Amino acid sequence: MDSRARKSNTDRTMFRFTDRDGNVWDVVLGRGSWGAHVALFVPVGHAAPVRQTLLQADSWDLAQDELETYAPDGFGELLEQSTIKDE
């Protein structure tokens, strides 16, 4: 069960998707401290750590485009590649 992308008041796109185990995640674009762009997976309604997956793009706009190419069917693949985000 996936929902359409929606714009927040900071003009960032957020996606919501359900993984194969039935867990719901919000997916947003983030930036690592080293300047890389990552897909952040934030759990919705279940206890799990925030996860991240490195994206290949080298600018914010290209990273947003890359993230949108995964929506919604490719998010499961990105989640499987993800690691727990350091606090």
Protein backbone atom coordinates (compact mmCIF):
# COMPACT_ATOMS: atom_id res chain seq x y z
CA MET A 1 0.00 0.00 0.00
CA ASP A 2 1.73 3.16 -1.20
CA SER A 3 0.67 6.78 -1.20
CA ARG A 4 1.44 9.58 -3.59
CA ALA A 5 4.30 11.96 -2.98
CA ARG A 6 3.35 15.09 -1.15
CA LYS A 7 5.11 18.39 -0.65
CA SER A 8 5.80 19.66 2.82
CA ASN A 9 6.04 23.33 3.72
CA THR A 10 9.83 23.16 3.20
CA ASP A 11 9.31 21.99 -0.40
CA ARG A 12 10.70 18.54 0.31
CA THR A 13 8.99 15.52 -1.10
CA MET A 14 8.04 12.78 1.33
CA PHE A 15 6.88 9.35 0.31
CA ARG A 16 5.10 6.74 2.37
CA PHE A 17 5.37 3.06 1.61
CA THR A 18 4.67 -0.29 3.22
CA ASP A 19 7.44 -2.88 3.22
CA ARG A 20 6.93 -6.58 2.55
CA ASP A 21 6.49 -7.24 6.30
CA GLY A 22 3.64 -4.71 6.53
CA ASN A 23 5.67 -1.97 8.25
CA VAL A 24 4.97 1.60 7.14
CA TRP A 25 7.86 4.00 6.43
CA ASP A 26 8.17 7.64 5.44
CA VAL A 27 10.99 8.19 2.94
CA VAL A 28 12.71 11.57 2.63
CA LEU A 29 15.89 12.94 1.16
CA GLY A 30 18.67 13.73 3.59
CA ARG A 31 22.28 14.81 3.56
CA GLY A 32 25.04 13.04 5.44
CA SER A 33 27.65 14.95 7.39
CA TRP A 34 30.17 14.05 4.68
CA GLY A 35 28.04 15.79 2.02
CA ALA A 36 26.55 12.70 0.42
CA HIS A 37 22.81 12.42 -0.25
CA VAL A 38 20.82 9.65 1.39
CA ALA A 39 17.32 8.23 1.40
CA LEU A 40 16.09 8.31 5.01
CA PHE A 41 13.55 5.70 6.12
CA VAL A 42 11.55 6.86 9.15
CA PRO A 43 9.29 4.27 10.80
CA VAL A 44 5.60 5.13 11.11
CA GLY A 45 3.70 3.44 13.92
CA HIS A 46 6.29 0.77 14.70
CA ALA A 47 9.41 0.62 16.81
CA ALA A 48 12.41 0.62 14.51
CA PRO A 49 15.47 2.82 14.09
CA VAL A 50 15.71 5.40 11.33
CA ARG A 51 17.60 3.88 8.42
CA GLN A 52 19.53 5.39 5.51
CA THR A 53 20.73 4.40 2.05
CA LEU A 54 23.40 6.25 0.08
CA LEU A 55 22.19 7.73 -3.21
CA GLN A 56 24.46 8.19 -6.24
CA ALA A 57 23.52 11.81 -7.10
CA ASP A 58 25.98 14.62 -6.38
CA SER A 59 23.52 17.49 -5.97
CA TRP A 60 20.31 17.98 -4.00
CA ASP A 61 18.15 18.33 -7.12
CA LEU A 62 19.63 15.23 -8.77
CA ALA A 63 19.25 13.30 -5.51
CA GLN A 64 15.58 14.31 -5.36
CA ASP A 65 15.14 13.11 -8.95
CA GLU A 66 16.93 9.85 -8.11
CA LEU A 67 14.72 9.28 -5.07
CA GLU A 68 11.61 9.91 -7.15
CA THR A 69 12.69 7.25 -9.68
CA TYR A 70 12.45 4.65 -6.90
CA ALA A 71 8.94 5.71 -5.89
CA PRO A 72 7.08 3.68 -4.94
CA ASP A 73 8.10 0.22 -6.16
CA GLY A 74 11.86 0.54 -5.62
CA PHE A 75 11.73 1.66 -2.00
CA GLY A 76 11.81 -1.94 -0.77
CA GLU A 77 15.12 -2.46 -2.56
CA LEU A 78 16.56 0.73 -1.05
CA LEU A 79 15.34 -0.29 2.41
CA GLU A 80 17.06 -3.67 2.08
CA GLN A 81 20.34 -1.88 1.25
CA SER A 82 19.96 0.55 4.16
CA THR A 83 21.89 0.76 7.40
CA ILE A 84 20.83 2.16 10.76
CA LYS A 85 21.39 5.92 10.84
CA ASP A 86 23.85 7.08 13.47
CA GLU A 87 22.33 9.50 15.94
